[in-house]
Amino acid sequence: MKSQEFRNLSDKELQNKLTSLKQELFNLRFSHATGSLTNPLAINTCKKDIAKVNTIIRERELGLSFAPKAEAKVAPKAEKKTATTKKKTVKE
């Protein structure tokens, strides 16, 4: 993933992503040890992604960058009904 894609994630999503990346790295290392790893570059890519996530988390702790703001969902305003009704005039 690109760094910008990680920056668009919230703090909680970053923590979840970090956990999943660490689990993926463990699985890749295990596959490498058993000799069933098909793409050895995946280990380096996974390590770099973990480093990117850790960097972004640390930047937010230091106040150098901020988590994206959640978009506030605004409910549409209901139209007020009035007791008066408009009369239609018929012109002949």
C-alpha atoms as a PDB file:
ATOM      1  CA  MET A   1       0.000   0.000   0.000  1.00  0.00           C
ATOM      2  CA  LYS A   2       1.052   3.552  -0.554  1.00  0.00           C
ATOM      3  CA  SER A   3       1.704   5.819   2.419  1.00  0.00           C
ATOM      4  CA  GLN A   4      -1.181   8.083   1.433  1.00  0.00           C
ATOM      5  CA  GLU A   5      -3.602   5.161   1.643  1.00  0.00           C
ATOM      6  CA  PHE A   6      -2.408   4.480   5.186  1.00  0.00           C
ATOM      7  CA  ARG A   7      -2.741   8.168   6.096  1.00  0.00           C
ATOM      8  CA  ASN A   8      -6.418   8.098   5.119  1.00  0.00           C
ATOM      9  CA  LEU A   9      -7.136   5.442   7.753  1.00  0.00           C
ATOM     10  CA  SER A  10      -8.326   6.284  11.244  1.00  0.00           C
ATOM     11  CA  ASP A  11      -6.264   5.447  14.331  1.00  0.00           C
ATOM     12  CA  LYS A  12      -8.307   2.347  15.093  1.00  0.00           C
ATOM     13  CA  GLU A  13      -8.061   1.139  11.491  1.00  0.00           C
ATOM     14  CA  LEU A  14      -4.282   1.670  11.593  1.00  0.00           C
ATOM     15  CA  GLN A  15      -4.003  -0.470  14.716  1.00  0.00           C
ATOM     16  CA  ASN A  16      -6.054  -3.206  13.058  1.00  0.00           C
ATOM     17  CA  LYS A  17      -3.931  -2.972   9.914  1.00  0.00           C
ATOM     18  CA  LEU A  18      -0.733  -3.209  11.971  1.00  0.00           C
ATOM     19  CA  THR A  19      -2.010  -6.341  13.697  1.00  0.00           C
ATOM     20  CA  SER A  20      -2.948  -7.973  10.399  1.00  0.00           C
ATOM     21  CA  LEU A  21       0.405  -7.054   8.824  1.00  0.00           C
ATOM     22  CA  LYS A  22       2.310  -8.581  11.734  1.00  0.00           C
ATOM     23  CA  GLN A  23       0.237 -11.746  11.415  1.00  0.00           C
ATOM     24  CA  GLU A  24       0.937 -11.801   7.679  1.00  0.00           C
ATOM     25  CA  LEU A  25       4.675 -11.389   8.300  1.00  0.00           C
ATOM     26  CA  PHE A  26       4.610 -14.309  10.729  1.00  0.00           C
ATOM     27  CA  ASN A  27       2.855 -16.467   8.133  1.00  0.00           C
ATOM     28  CA  LEU A  28       5.342 -15.433   5.439  1.00  0.00           C
ATOM     29  CA  ARG A  29       8.308 -16.271   7.659  1.00  0.00           C
ATOM     30  CA  PHE A  30       6.768 -19.618   8.517  1.00  0.00           C
ATOM     31  CA  SER A  31       6.203 -20.360   4.816  1.00  0.00           C
ATOM     32  CA  HIS A  32       9.796 -19.373   4.089  1.00  0.00           C
ATOM     33  CA  ALA A  33      11.105 -21.714   6.801  1.00  0.00           C
ATOM     34  CA  THR A  34       9.106 -24.639   5.437  1.00  0.00           C
ATOM     35  CA  GLY A  35      10.168 -23.862   1.875  1.00  0.00           C
ATOM     36  CA  SER A  36       6.685 -23.188   0.540  1.00  0.00           C
ATOM     37  CA  LEU A  37       7.093 -19.430   0.018  1.00  0.00           C
ATOM     38  CA  THR A  38       6.415 -18.563  -3.630  1.00  0.00           C
ATOM     39  CA  ASN A  39       7.242 -14.852  -3.520  1.00  0.00           C
ATOM     40  CA  PRO A  40      10.263 -14.036  -1.334  1.00  0.00           C
ATOM     41  CA  LEU A  41       9.858 -10.302  -1.961  1.00  0.00           C
ATOM     42  CA  ALA A  42       6.567 -10.403  -0.052  1.00  0.00           C
ATOM     43  CA  ILE A  43       8.513 -10.491   3.230  1.00  0.00           C
ATOM     44  CA  ASN A  44      10.303  -7.225   2.429  1.00  0.00           C
ATOM     45  CA  THR A  45       7.086  -5.583   1.245  1.00  0.00           C
ATOM     46  CA  CYS A  46       5.305  -6.607   4.424  1.00  0.00           C
ATOM     47  CA  LYS A  47       8.147  -5.263   6.603  1.00  0.00           C
ATOM     48  CA  LYS A  48       8.047  -1.942   4.758  1.00  0.00           C
ATOM     49  CA  ASP A  49       4.266  -1.684   5.195  1.00  0.00           C
ATOM     50  CA  ILE A  50       4.666  -2.316   8.931  1.00  0.00           C
ATOM     51  CA  ALA A  51       7.286   0.441   9.072  1.00  0.00           C
ATOM     52  CA  LYS A  52       4.973   2.851   7.219  1.00  0.00           C
ATOM     53  CA  VAL A  53       2.103   2.171   9.619  1.00  0.00           C
ATOM     54  CA  ASN A  54       4.358   2.563  12.667  1.00  0.00           C
ATOM     55  CA  THR A  55       5.687   5.856  11.274  1.00  0.00           C
ATOM     56  CA  ILE A  56       2.194   7.249  10.730  1.00  0.00           C
ATOM     57  CA  ILE A  57       1.091   6.187  14.215  1.00  0.00           C
ATOM     58  CA  ARG A  58       4.159   7.887  15.738  1.00  0.00           C
ATOM     59  CA  GLU A  59       3.604  11.067  13.696  1.00  0.00           C
ATOM     60  CA  ARG A  60       0.076  11.272  15.073  1.00  0.00           C
ATOM     61  CA  GLU A  61       1.343  10.753  18.628  1.00  0.00           C
ATOM     62  CA  LEU A  62       3.775  13.634  18.188  1.00  0.00           C
ATOM     63  CA  GLY A  63       1.156  15.843  16.549  1.00  0.00           C
ATOM     64  CA  LEU A  64       2.983  16.051  13.231  1.00  0.00           C
ATOM     65  CA  SER A  65      -0.007  14.689  11.326  1.00  0.00           C
ATOM     66  CA  PHE A  66      -3.653  14.168  12.098  1.00  0.00           C
ATOM     67  CA  ALA A  67      -6.204  11.454  11.507  1.00  0.00           C
ATOM     68  CA  PRO A  68      -8.740  12.266   8.803  1.00  0.00           C
ATOM     69  CA  LYS A  69     -11.900  13.824  10.126  1.00  0.00           C
ATOM     70  CA  ALA A  70     -14.999  11.696   9.972  1.00  0.00           C
ATOM     71  CA  GLU A  71     -17.584  13.179   7.699  1.00  0.00           C
ATOM     72  CA  ALA A  72     -20.593  14.232   9.687  1.00  0.00           C
ATOM     73  CA  LYS A  73     -23.754  12.806   8.280  1.00  0.00           C
ATOM     74  CA  VAL A  74     -26.450  15.437   8.266  1.00  0.00           C
ATOM     75  CA  ALA A  75     -30.011  14.230   8.191  1.00  0.00           C
ATOM     76  CA  PRO A  76     -32.193  16.082   5.694  1.00  0.00           C
ATOM     77  CA  LYS A  77     -34.484  18.575   7.344  1.00  0.00           C
ATOM     78  CA  ALA A  78     -38.130  17.663   7.416  1.00  0.00           C
ATOM     79  CA  GLU A  79     -40.435  20.229   5.938  1.00  0.00           C
ATOM     80  CA  LYS A  80     -42.781  21.847   8.372  1.00  0.00           C
ATOM     81  CA  LYS A  81     -46.436  21.369   7.650  1.00  0.00           C
ATOM     82  CA  THR A  82     -48.612  24.358   8.274  1.00  0.00           C
ATOM     83  CA  ALA A  83     -52.295  24.428   8.988  1.00  0.00           C
ATOM     84  CA  THR A  84     -52.984  26.878   6.199  1.00  0.00           C
ATOM     85  CA  THR A  85     -53.502  25.578   2.729  1.00  0.00           C
ATOM     86  CA  LYS A  86     -53.316  27.542  -0.438  1.00  0.00           C
ATOM     87  CA  LYS A  87     -56.460  27.758  -2.507  1.00  0.00           C
ATOM     88  CA  LYS A  88     -56.219  27.380  -6.214  1.00  0.00           C
ATOM     89  CA  THR A  89     -58.035  30.011  -8.161  1.00  0.00           C
ATOM     90  CA  VAL A  90     -59.606  29.045 -11.389  1.00  0.00           C
ATOM     91  CA  LYS A  91     -59.706  31.686 -14.066  1.00  0.00           C
ATOM     92  CA  GLU A  92     -62.378  31.410 -16.694  1.00  0.00           C
END
